[in-house]
Protein backbone atom coordinates (compact mmCIF):
# COMPACT_ATOMS: atom_id res chain seq x y z
CA MET A 1 -27.35 -34.71 -208.26
CA GLN A 2 -28.85 -31.76 -206.84
CA ARG A 3 -27.31 -32.83 -203.23
CA ILE A 4 -23.51 -32.47 -205.53
CA ILE A 5 -24.75 -29.07 -207.13
CA HIS A 6 -25.96 -27.79 -203.80
CA LYS A 7 -22.73 -29.16 -202.28
CA LEU A 8 -20.46 -27.49 -204.73
CA ARG A 9 -22.28 -24.00 -204.46
CA HIS A 10 -21.58 -24.33 -200.94
CA ASP A 11 -18.07 -25.24 -201.04
CA THR A 12 -15.55 -21.78 -200.46
CA LEU A 13 -12.47 -23.53 -202.10
CA PHE A 14 -14.18 -25.07 -204.86
CA ILE A 15 -15.77 -21.35 -205.96
CA VAL A 16 -12.34 -19.91 -205.23
CA THR A 17 -10.50 -22.66 -207.28
CA THR A 18 -12.96 -22.16 -210.05
CA ILE A 19 -12.62 -18.19 -210.58
CA LEU A 20 -8.62 -18.62 -210.30
CA VAL A 21 -8.80 -20.94 -213.29
CA MET A 22 -11.06 -18.97 -215.45
CA VAL A 23 -9.07 -15.98 -214.85
CA ALA A 24 -5.97 -17.94 -215.70
CA SER A 25 -7.36 -19.39 -218.66
CA VAL A 26 -8.58 -16.10 -220.02
CA PHE A 27 -4.94 -13.94 -218.99
CA GLY A 28 -2.62 -16.82 -219.29
CA LEU A 29 -1.29 -18.65 -222.09
CA VAL A 30 -3.30 -21.91 -222.07
CA SER A 31 -1.63 -24.95 -224.77
CA TRP A 32 -2.41 -28.24 -224.98
CA ASN A 33 1.67 -28.89 -225.39
CA SER A 34 2.55 -27.76 -221.77
CA ILE A 35 0.38 -30.91 -220.43
CA SER A 36 2.56 -33.98 -219.79
CA TRP A 37 0.37 -36.55 -221.64
CA PRO A 38 2.87 -39.57 -220.16
CA THR A 39 2.30 -38.54 -216.97
CA VAL A 40 -1.48 -38.51 -216.80
CA LEU A 41 -1.58 -41.75 -218.55
CA SER A 42 0.65 -43.32 -216.00
CA LEU A 43 -1.48 -41.60 -212.81
CA SER A 44 -4.72 -42.85 -214.67
CA ALA A 45 -2.51 -46.41 -214.47
CA LEU A 46 -1.53 -46.05 -211.20
CA LEU A 47 -5.55 -45.31 -210.25
CA GLY A 48 -6.90 -48.05 -211.73
CA LEU A 49 -4.40 -50.23 -210.28
CA VAL A 50 -5.57 -48.91 -206.93
CA THR A 51 -9.40 -49.73 -208.15
CA LEU A 52 -8.05 -53.09 -209.25
CA PHE A 53 -6.54 -53.73 -205.57
CA GLN A 54 -9.22 -52.51 -203.77
CA SER A 55 -12.19 -54.60 -205.84
CA LEU A 56 -9.88 -57.50 -205.10
CA GLY A 57 -10.27 -57.01 -201.69
CA PHE A 58 -6.21 -56.40 -200.86
CA ILE A 59 -6.75 -52.76 -199.32
CA ASP A 60 -9.52 -53.91 -196.70
CA ALA A 61 -6.92 -56.91 -196.30
CA LEU A 62 -4.21 -54.88 -195.35
CA ALA A 63 -5.94 -52.33 -193.68
CA ASP A 64 -7.46 -55.48 -191.60
CA TYR A 65 -3.44 -56.00 -190.82
CA PHE A 66 -2.44 -52.79 -189.53
CA ILE A 67 -5.50 -52.64 -187.16
CA GLN A 68 -4.13 -56.36 -185.77
CA LYS A 69 -0.93 -55.12 -185.33
CA ALA A 70 -2.04 -51.50 -183.42
CA LYS A 71 -2.56 -51.26 -180.04
CA THR A 72 -4.13 -48.33 -180.15
CA THR A 73 -5.86 -45.52 -182.13
CA ARG A 74 -3.20 -43.36 -182.14
CA SER A 75 -0.70 -46.11 -182.87
CA LEU A 76 -2.74 -46.69 -185.95
CA ILE A 77 -2.53 -43.35 -187.42
CA LEU A 78 1.11 -42.93 -186.40
CA ALA A 79 1.58 -45.80 -188.83
CA ILE A 80 -0.24 -44.78 -191.62
CA PHE A 81 1.25 -41.39 -191.31
CA LEU A 82 4.78 -42.74 -191.42
CA LEU A 83 3.86 -45.17 -194.03
CA THR A 84 3.07 -42.09 -196.25
CA PHE A 85 5.73 -39.79 -195.19
CA PHE A 86 8.45 -42.07 -196.04
CA SER A 87 6.77 -43.47 -199.02
CA ALA A 88 6.65 -39.98 -200.45
CA MET A 89 10.56 -39.51 -200.21
CA VAL A 90 10.58 -42.80 -202.44
CA VAL A 91 7.88 -41.79 -205.09
CA THR A 92 6.23 -38.31 -205.44
CA ASN A 93 3.75 -37.01 -203.53
CA ASP A 94 0.73 -37.54 -205.95
CA VAL A 95 1.77 -41.19 -205.94
CA ALA A 96 1.82 -41.83 -201.92
CA ILE A 97 -1.88 -40.15 -202.03
CA LEU A 98 -3.46 -41.90 -204.69
CA THR A 99 -2.01 -45.51 -203.03
CA PHE A 100 -2.56 -44.68 -199.65
CA LEU A 101 -5.95 -42.54 -199.71
CA PRO A 102 -8.29 -45.61 -200.11
CA LEU A 103 -6.31 -47.59 -197.57
CA THR A 104 -6.78 -44.64 -194.98
CA PHE A 105 -10.35 -44.69 -195.84
CA ALA A 106 -10.88 -48.59 -195.36
CA LEU A 107 -8.65 -47.98 -191.95
CA ALA A 108 -11.27 -45.27 -190.92
CA LYS A 109 -14.49 -47.32 -192.11
CA LYS A 110 -12.87 -50.68 -190.10
CA SER A 111 -11.89 -48.74 -187.12
CA ARG A 112 -14.84 -46.80 -187.13
CA CYS A 113 -12.24 -43.39 -186.69
CA ARG A 114 -14.16 -40.47 -187.35
CA LEU A 115 -13.42 -38.57 -190.73
CA SER A 116 -13.42 -34.57 -189.95
CA LYS A 117 -15.60 -32.70 -192.69
């Protein structure tokens, strides 16, 4: 817990965003009615489904398939980029991100690609 608090204190983006949210909540009109609860519930269900796929090993199997088909790291990155890009045209960006982020992390772990900090 101490490590998380230390990281949050030194994260500039988190601090600026928190300050902007506080300013918006003081000067803006915040209402529970402005939240689209069906959207929140459907995104939560999608998150649960992706977590279920991850726990069943489907995400790792898909990552293995991509690694097997890709000849180089560059082609692997291009494949995941194009898959995310074109799927974001069909579904919304947040659904594409929630769906393909675990796949990207599994690909990075299995192919030993270094994730930037």
